[in-house]
C-alpha atoms as a PDB file:
ATOM      1  CA  MET A   1      79.200 119.189 111.567  1.00  0.00           C
ATOM      2  CA  ASN A   2      76.960 118.961 108.498  1.00  0.00           C
ATOM      3  CA  ASP A   3      79.515 120.985 106.544  1.00  0.00           C
ATOM      4  CA  LEU A   4      82.216 118.493 107.538  1.00  0.00           C
ATOM      5  CA  PHE A   5      80.175 115.546 106.273  1.00  0.00           C
ATOM      6  CA  GLU A   6      79.414 117.410 103.051  1.00  0.00           C
ATOM      7  CA  ASP A   7      83.143 118.089 102.500  1.00  0.00           C
ATOM      8  CA  VAL A   8      84.000 114.417 103.032  1.00  0.00           C
ATOM      9  CA  ALA A   9      81.231 113.312 100.659  1.00  0.00           C
ATOM     10  CA  ALA A  10      82.440 115.747  98.016  1.00  0.00           C
ATOM     11  CA  THR A  11      85.994 114.401  98.314  1.00  0.00           C
ATOM     12  CA  LEU A  12      84.828 110.802  97.977  1.00  0.00           C
ATOM     13  CA  SER A  13      82.756 111.557  94.881  1.00  0.00           C
ATOM     14  CA  ALA A  14      85.058 114.079  93.145  1.00  0.00           C
ATOM     15  CA  ARG A  15      85.489 113.402  89.427  1.00  0.00           C
ATOM     16  CA  GLU A  16      88.145 114.953  87.218  1.00  0.00           C
ATOM     17  CA  GLN A  17      88.477 114.654  83.462  1.00  0.00           C
ATOM     18  CA  MET A  18      92.057 113.801  82.487  1.00  0.00           C
ATOM     19  CA  ALA A  19      91.455 113.573  78.732  1.00  0.00           C
ATOM     20  CA  ALA A  20      88.817 112.327  76.304  1.00  0.00           C
ATOM     21  CA  GLY A  21      87.745 108.955  77.676  1.00  0.00           C
ATOM     22  CA  ALA A  22      89.923 109.290  80.786  1.00  0.00           C
ATOM     23  CA  VAL A  23      88.565 110.071  84.246  1.00  0.00           C
ATOM     24  CA  LEU A  24      90.071 110.429  87.717  1.00  0.00           C
ATOM     25  CA  LEU A  25      87.758 109.374  90.555  1.00  0.00           C
ATOM     26  CA  ARG A  26      89.048 110.917  93.757  1.00  0.00           C
ATOM     27  CA  GLY A  27      88.712 108.703  96.845  1.00  0.00           C
ATOM     28  CA  ARG A  28      86.555 106.164  95.008  1.00  0.00           C
ATOM     29  CA  ALA A  29      88.294 103.144  96.592  1.00  0.00           C
ATOM     30  CA  LEU A  30      87.919 104.334 100.186  1.00  0.00           C
ATOM     31  CA  ALA A  31      84.456 102.813 100.594  1.00  0.00           C
ATOM     32  CA  LEU A  32      85.981  99.335 100.132  1.00  0.00           C
ATOM     33  CA  GLU A  33      89.345 100.109 101.742  1.00  0.00           C
ATOM     34  CA  ASP A  34      89.357  97.362 104.392  1.00  0.00           C
ATOM     35  CA  GLU A  35      88.191  94.682 101.944  1.00  0.00           C
ATOM     36  CA  ILE A  36      90.738  95.747  99.338  1.00  0.00           C
ATOM     37  CA  LEU A  37      93.630  95.700 101.813  1.00  0.00           C
ATOM     38  CA  ALA A  38      92.582  92.271 103.096  1.00  0.00           C
ATOM     39  CA  GLY A  39      92.381  90.997  99.525  1.00  0.00           C
ATOM     40  CA  LEU A  40      95.812  92.414  98.775  1.00  0.00           C
ATOM     41  CA  GLU A  41      97.290  90.602 101.760  1.00  0.00           C
ATOM     42  CA  SER A  42      95.779  87.299 100.646  1.00  0.00           C
ATOM     43  CA  VAL A  43      97.141  87.642  97.098  1.00  0.00           C
ATOM     44  CA  VAL A  44     100.676  88.539  98.192  1.00  0.00           C
ATOM     45  CA  ALA A  45     100.746  85.597 100.609  1.00  0.00           C
ATOM     46  CA  ILE A  46     100.368  83.252  97.610  1.00  0.00           C
ATOM     47  CA  ALA A  47     102.296  85.210  94.975  1.00  0.00           C
ATOM     48  CA  PRO A  48     104.882  87.463  96.653  1.00  0.00           C
ATOM     49  CA  PHE A  49     106.166  90.660  95.074  1.00  0.00           C
ATOM     50  CA  ARG A  50     109.197  90.319  92.821  1.00  0.00           C
ATOM     51  CA  HIS A  51     111.321  92.616  90.625  1.00  0.00           C
ATOM     52  CA  MET A  52     110.958  91.578  86.999  1.00  0.00           C
ATOM     53  CA  THR A  53     113.481  92.070  84.196  1.00  0.00           C
ATOM     54  CA  THR A  54     112.628  93.830  80.938  1.00  0.00           C
ATOM     55  CA  PRO A  55     113.520  92.342  77.537  1.00  0.00           C
ATOM     56  CA  GLY A  56     116.434  94.788  77.470  1.00  0.00           C
ATOM     57  CA  GLY A  57     117.839  93.339  80.684  1.00  0.00           C
ATOM     58  CA  PHE A  58     116.845  96.142  83.053  1.00  0.00           C
ATOM     59  CA  VAL A  59     115.451  95.257  86.478  1.00  0.00           C
ATOM     60  CA  MET A  60     112.252  97.202  87.156  1.00  0.00           C
ATOM     61  CA  SER A  61     112.340  99.418  90.249  1.00  0.00           C
ATOM     62  CA  ALA A  62     108.704  98.632  91.097  1.00  0.00           C
ATOM     63  CA  ALA A  63     108.085  95.132  92.445  1.00  0.00           C
ATOM     64  CA  MET A  64     105.158  93.241  90.921  1.00  0.00           C
ATOM     65  CA  THR A  65     102.693  90.426  91.338  1.00  0.00           C
ATOM     66  CA  SER A  66      99.295  89.595  89.831  1.00  0.00           C
ATOM     67  CA  CYS A  67      95.972  87.905  90.431  1.00  0.00           C
ATOM     68  CA  GLY A  68      93.192  86.657  88.170  1.00  0.00           C
ATOM     69  CA  ILE A  69      93.275  84.130  85.363  1.00  0.00           C
ATOM     70  CA  ALA A  70      96.497  85.600  83.969  1.00  0.00           C
ATOM     71  CA  GLY A  71      99.343  87.743  85.230  1.00  0.00           C
ATOM     72  CA  TRP A  72     101.471  90.249  83.367  1.00  0.00           C
ATOM     73  CA  VAL A  73     105.040  89.047  82.926  1.00  0.00           C
ATOM     74  CA  THR A  74     108.217  90.586  81.565  1.00  0.00           C
ATOM     75  CA  ASP A  75     111.546  88.852  81.017  1.00  0.00           C
ATOM     76  CA  ARG A  76     114.256  88.556  78.380  1.00  0.00           C
ATOM     77  CA  THR A  77     111.757  86.915  75.983  1.00  0.00           C
ATOM     78  CA  GLY A  78     109.303  89.832  76.024  1.00  0.00           C
ATOM     79  CA  TYR A  79     106.114  91.229  77.586  1.00  0.00           C
ATOM     80  CA  ARG A  80     103.041  89.002  77.856  1.00  0.00           C
ATOM     81  CA  TYR A  81     100.207  87.655  79.949  1.00  0.00           C
ATOM     82  CA  ASP A  82     100.705  84.166  81.361  1.00  0.00           C
ATOM     83  CA  ARG A  83      98.252  81.964  83.228  1.00  0.00           C
ATOM     84  CA  THR A  84     101.111  80.571  85.328  1.00  0.00           C
ATOM     85  CA  ASP A  85     103.207  82.481  87.842  1.00  0.00           C
ATOM     86  CA  PRO A  86     106.795  81.889  86.667  1.00  0.00           C
ATOM     87  CA  ALA A  87     108.088  82.238  90.233  1.00  0.00           C
ATOM     88  CA  THR A  88     105.946  79.404  91.612  1.00  0.00           C
ATOM     89  CA  GLY A  89     104.939  77.374  88.565  1.00  0.00           C
ATOM     90  CA  LYS A  90     101.340  77.584  89.786  1.00  0.00           C
ATOM     91  CA  PRO A  91      98.278  79.548  88.638  1.00  0.00           C
ATOM     92  CA  TRP A  92      98.071  83.115  89.859  1.00  0.00           C
ATOM     93  CA  PRO A  93      95.861  83.712  92.920  1.00  0.00           C
ATOM     94  CA  THR A  94      92.150  84.106  92.286  1.00  0.00           C
ATOM     95  CA  MET A  95      91.127  87.739  92.035  1.00  0.00           C
ATOM     96  CA  PRO A  96      89.359  88.772  95.277  1.00  0.00           C
ATOM     97  CA  GLU A  97      85.703  89.602  94.763  1.00  0.00           C
ATOM     98  CA  SER A  98      86.260  93.030  96.347  1.00  0.00           C
ATOM     99  CA  PHE A  99      88.836  93.783  93.628  1.00  0.00           C
ATOM    100  CA  ARG A 100      86.488  92.760  90.839  1.00  0.00           C
ATOM    101  CA  ARG A 101      83.592  94.728  92.313  1.00  0.00           C
ATOM    102  CA  LEU A 102      85.636  97.897  92.764  1.00  0.00           C
ATOM    103  CA  ALA A 103      87.038  97.770  89.231  1.00  0.00           C
ATOM    104  CA  SER A 104      83.652  97.120  87.649  1.00  0.00           C
ATOM    105  CA  GLU A 105      81.908  99.863  89.607  1.00  0.00           C
ATOM    106  CA  ALA A 106      84.663 102.412  88.950  1.00  0.00           C
ATOM    107  CA  ALA A 107      84.580 101.632  85.231  1.00  0.00           C
ATOM    108  CA  THR A 108      80.818 102.128  85.208  1.00  0.00           C
ATOM    109  CA  ASP A 109      81.225 105.446  87.045  1.00  0.00           C
ATOM    110  CA  ALA A 110      83.667 106.518  84.333  1.00  0.00           C
ATOM    111  CA  GLY A 111      81.287 105.594  81.520  1.00  0.00           C
ATOM    112  CA  TYR A 112      82.467 102.049  80.739  1.00  0.00           C
ATOM    113  CA  ALA A 113      79.621  99.717  81.658  1.00  0.00           C
ATOM    114  CA  ASN A 114      79.935  95.930  81.862  1.00  0.00           C
ATOM    115  CA  PHE A 115      83.693  95.917  82.462  1.00  0.00           C
ATOM    116  CA  THR A 116      84.738  92.573  83.945  1.00  0.00           C
ATOM    117  CA  PRO A 117      88.499  92.373  84.562  1.00  0.00           C
ATOM    118  CA  ASP A 118      90.218  89.019  84.285  1.00  0.00           C
ATOM    119  CA  SER A 119      93.654  90.220  85.422  1.00  0.00           C
ATOM    120  CA  CYS A 120      95.009  92.595  88.052  1.00  0.00           C
ATOM    121  CA  LEU A 121      98.645  93.666  87.950  1.00  0.00           C
ATOM    122  CA  ILE A 122      99.824  94.805  91.381  1.00  0.00           C
ATOM    123  CA  ASN A 123     102.827  97.139  91.605  1.00  0.00           C
ATOM    124  CA  ARG A 124     104.661  98.006  94.823  1.00  0.00           C
ATOM    125  CA  TYR A 125     106.659 101.229  94.825  1.00  0.00           C
ATOM    126  CA  LEU A 126     109.085 101.819  97.668  1.00  0.00           C
ATOM    127  CA  PRO A 127     110.540 105.343  97.972  1.00  0.00           C
ATOM    128  CA  GLY A 128     112.751 105.952  94.955  1.00  0.00           C
ATOM    129  CA  ALA A 129     110.842 103.624  92.611  1.00  0.00           C
ATOM    130  CA  ARG A 130     109.220 104.888  89.425  1.00  0.00           C
ATOM    131  CA  LEU A 131     107.561 103.663  86.234  1.00  0.00           C
ATOM    132  CA  SER A 132     108.604 105.155  82.910  1.00  0.00           C
ATOM    133  CA  LEU A 133     106.135 106.201  80.236  1.00  0.00           C
ATOM    134  CA  HIS A 134     104.597 103.213  78.485  1.00  0.00           C
ATOM    135  CA  GLN A 135     101.432 101.961  76.798  1.00  0.00           C
ATOM    136  CA  ASP A 136      99.230  99.116  78.012  1.00  0.00           C
ATOM    137  CA  LYS A 137      99.019  97.202  74.744  1.00  0.00           C
ATOM    138  CA  ASP A 138      99.508  93.528  75.637  1.00  0.00           C
ATOM    139  CA  GLU A 139      95.763  93.010  76.112  1.00  0.00           C
ATOM    140  CA  ARG A 140      93.668  91.429  73.354  1.00  0.00           C
ATOM    141  CA  ASP A 141      90.683  93.803  73.494  1.00  0.00           C
ATOM    142  CA  PHE A 142      91.461  97.520  73.398  1.00  0.00           C
ATOM    143  CA  ALA A 143      87.729  98.260  73.575  1.00  0.00           C
ATOM    144  CA  GLN A 144      87.948  97.551  77.320  1.00  0.00           C
ATOM    145  CA  PRO A 145      89.272 100.259  79.670  1.00  0.00           C
ATOM    146  CA  ILE A 146      92.118 100.223  82.164  1.00  0.00           C
ATOM    147  CA  VAL A 147      91.229 100.783  85.839  1.00  0.00           C
ATOM    148  CA  SER A 148      94.097 101.868  88.091  1.00  0.00           C
ATOM    149  CA  VAL A 149      93.737 102.101  91.887  1.00  0.00           C
ATOM    150  CA  SER A 150      96.232 104.007  94.054  1.00  0.00           C
ATOM    151  CA  LEU A 151      96.914 102.962  97.644  1.00  0.00           C
ATOM    152  CA  GLY A 152      99.438 104.073 100.252  1.00  0.00           C
ATOM    153  CA  LEU A 153     101.976 106.819  99.638  1.00  0.00           C
ATOM    154  CA  PRO A 154     101.031 109.592  97.216  1.00  0.00           C
ATOM    155  CA  ALA A 155     102.570 109.697  93.752  1.00  0.00           C
ATOM    156  CA  THR A 156     102.505 111.764  90.591  1.00  0.00           C
ATOM    157  CA  PHE A 157     100.782 110.067  87.667  1.00  0.00           C
ATOM    158  CA  GLN A 158     101.863 111.153  84.199  1.00  0.00           C
ATOM    159  CA  PHE A 159      99.253 110.980  81.449  1.00  0.00           C
ATOM    160  CA  GLY A 160     100.444 111.734  77.943  1.00  0.00           C
ATOM    161  CA  GLY A 161      99.480 110.935  74.375  1.00  0.00           C
ATOM    162  CA  ILE A 162      99.587 108.202  71.776  1.00  0.00           C
ATOM    163  CA  ARG A 163     103.178 109.109  70.897  1.00  0.00           C
ATOM    164  CA  ARG A 164     105.781 108.804  73.627  1.00  0.00           C
ATOM    165  CA  ALA A 165     107.047 112.302  72.827  1.00  0.00           C
ATOM    166  CA  ASP A 166     103.602 113.883  73.303  1.00  0.00           C
ATOM    167  CA  PRO A 167     103.231 116.347  76.201  1.00  0.00           C
ATOM    168  CA  VAL A 168     102.229 114.831  79.536  1.00  0.00           C
ATOM    169  CA  VAL A 169      99.931 116.168  82.240  1.00  0.00           C
ATOM    170  CA  ARG A 170     100.797 115.385  85.839  1.00  0.00           C
ATOM    171  CA  HIS A 171      98.096 114.308  88.267  1.00  0.00           C
ATOM    172  CA  PRO A 172      98.716 113.872  92.018  1.00  0.00           C
ATOM    173  CA  MET A 173      97.391 110.473  93.124  1.00  0.00           C
ATOM    174  CA  ARG A 174      96.449 109.831  96.724  1.00  0.00           C
ATOM    175  CA  HIS A 175      95.321 106.805  98.715  1.00  0.00           C
ATOM    176  CA  GLY A 176      91.944 105.683  97.363  1.00  0.00           C
ATOM    177  CA  ASP A 177      92.066 107.524  94.024  1.00  0.00           C
ATOM    178  CA  ILE A 178      91.158 105.613  90.852  1.00  0.00           C
ATOM    179  CA  ALA A 179      92.107 106.491  87.281  1.00  0.00           C
ATOM    180  CA  VAL A 180      90.077 104.982  84.441  1.00  0.00           C
ATOM    181  CA  TRP A 181      90.957 105.377  80.783  1.00  0.00           C
ATOM    182  CA  GLY A 182      89.681 103.881  77.548  1.00  0.00           C
ATOM    183  CA  GLY A 183      88.196 104.807  74.203  1.00  0.00           C
ATOM    184  CA  PRO A 184      90.320 107.522  72.553  1.00  0.00           C
ATOM    185  CA  SER A 185      92.724 107.437  75.536  1.00  0.00           C
ATOM    186  CA  ARG A 186      93.090 103.653  75.741  1.00  0.00           C
ATOM    187  CA  LEU A 187      96.633 103.587  74.291  1.00  0.00           C
ATOM    188  CA  VAL A 188      98.068 106.801  75.735  1.00  0.00           C
ATOM    189  CA  HIS A 189     101.490 106.729  77.322  1.00  0.00           C
ATOM    190  CA  HIS A 190     101.450 106.973  81.099  1.00  0.00           C
ATOM    191  CA  GLY A 191     103.799 106.481  84.012  1.00  0.00           C
ATOM    192  CA  VAL A 192     104.645 107.305  87.613  1.00  0.00           C
ATOM    193  CA  LEU A 193     107.315 109.759  88.737  1.00  0.00           C
ATOM    194  CA  THR A 194     109.750 108.759  91.475  1.00  0.00           C
ATOM    195  CA  VAL A 195     107.830 108.067  94.685  1.00  0.00           C
ATOM    196  CA  ARG A 196     108.965 110.195  97.597  1.00  0.00           C
ATOM    197  CA  ASP A 197     109.593 108.847 101.061  1.00  0.00           C
ATOM    198  CA  GLY A 198     106.794 108.977 103.589  1.00  0.00           C
ATOM    199  CA  ASP A 199     104.777 106.869 105.985  1.00  0.00           C
ATOM    200  CA  HIS A 200     101.196 105.978 105.182  1.00  0.00           C
ATOM    201  CA  PRO A 201      99.122 105.094 108.303  1.00  0.00           C
ATOM    202  CA  LYS A 202      97.973 101.747 106.875  1.00  0.00           C
ATOM    203  CA  LEU A 203     100.603 100.794 104.292  1.00  0.00           C
ATOM    204  CA  GLY A 204     103.750 102.354 105.690  1.00  0.00           C
ATOM    205  CA  ARG A 205     106.608 103.355 103.364  1.00  0.00           C
ATOM    206  CA  GLN A 206     105.125 102.085 100.131  1.00  0.00           C
ATOM    207  CA  ARG A 207     102.697 102.825  97.349  1.00  0.00           C
ATOM    208  CA  ILE A 208     100.553 100.016  95.958  1.00  0.00           C
ATOM    209  CA  ASN A 209      98.897 100.247  92.564  1.00  0.00           C
ATOM    210  CA  LEU A 210      96.206  97.835  91.371  1.00  0.00           C
ATOM    211  CA  THR A 211      95.754  97.877  87.597  1.00  0.00           C
ATOM    212  CA  PHE A 212      92.757  95.979  86.255  1.00  0.00           C
ATOM    213  CA  ARG A 213      92.564  94.790  82.648  1.00  0.00           C
ATOM    214  CA  ALA A 214      90.551  92.552  80.379  1.00  0.00           C
ATOM    215  CA  ALA A 215      93.666  90.704  79.278  1.00  0.00           C
ATOM    216  CA  LEU A 216      92.587  87.499  77.581  1.00  0.00           C
END
């Protein structure tokens, strides 16, 4: 029995280096799982998921929403952060305290102390959805890291380089895993391969990704 507990503890505290300044914290979100899922439900009740359109006119396969003082928005006019939800004309939902705590603690674990996110982009991937390689560069302060929390169905996270054509390394992401990147890796290209069908015991046939940023 002691061996079982030791194996579980090791899983929850496993740390993998993805690149310089980039860390994968296996199972780090599981300790706050119930609070995070409750917070997610409260946010989506106010600002439902929607499929946004890129400046080029393509509809994104992952549905999105946000919480915090600003939400990430894409439409024909470009990519940006906006304090108002364009779908409701109202401010985005307040970021749940459990979200803020998890992001701050994970950033500290990864070597980025005093990270206080002001925005959380929430992506919902149904089977067949994906996210192409891109950089997170709409934020004002690149000195702050990105904290990305995986929930629900597993997915393959691609982590590349500063140039889009740079080689990528694939990392399997499971429910509760958190990726944190900053410093020399802050502007690397990253994405998510097509999510395969499945049935997660708590989230069903979907993958949810919480991405925390210091946006404004």
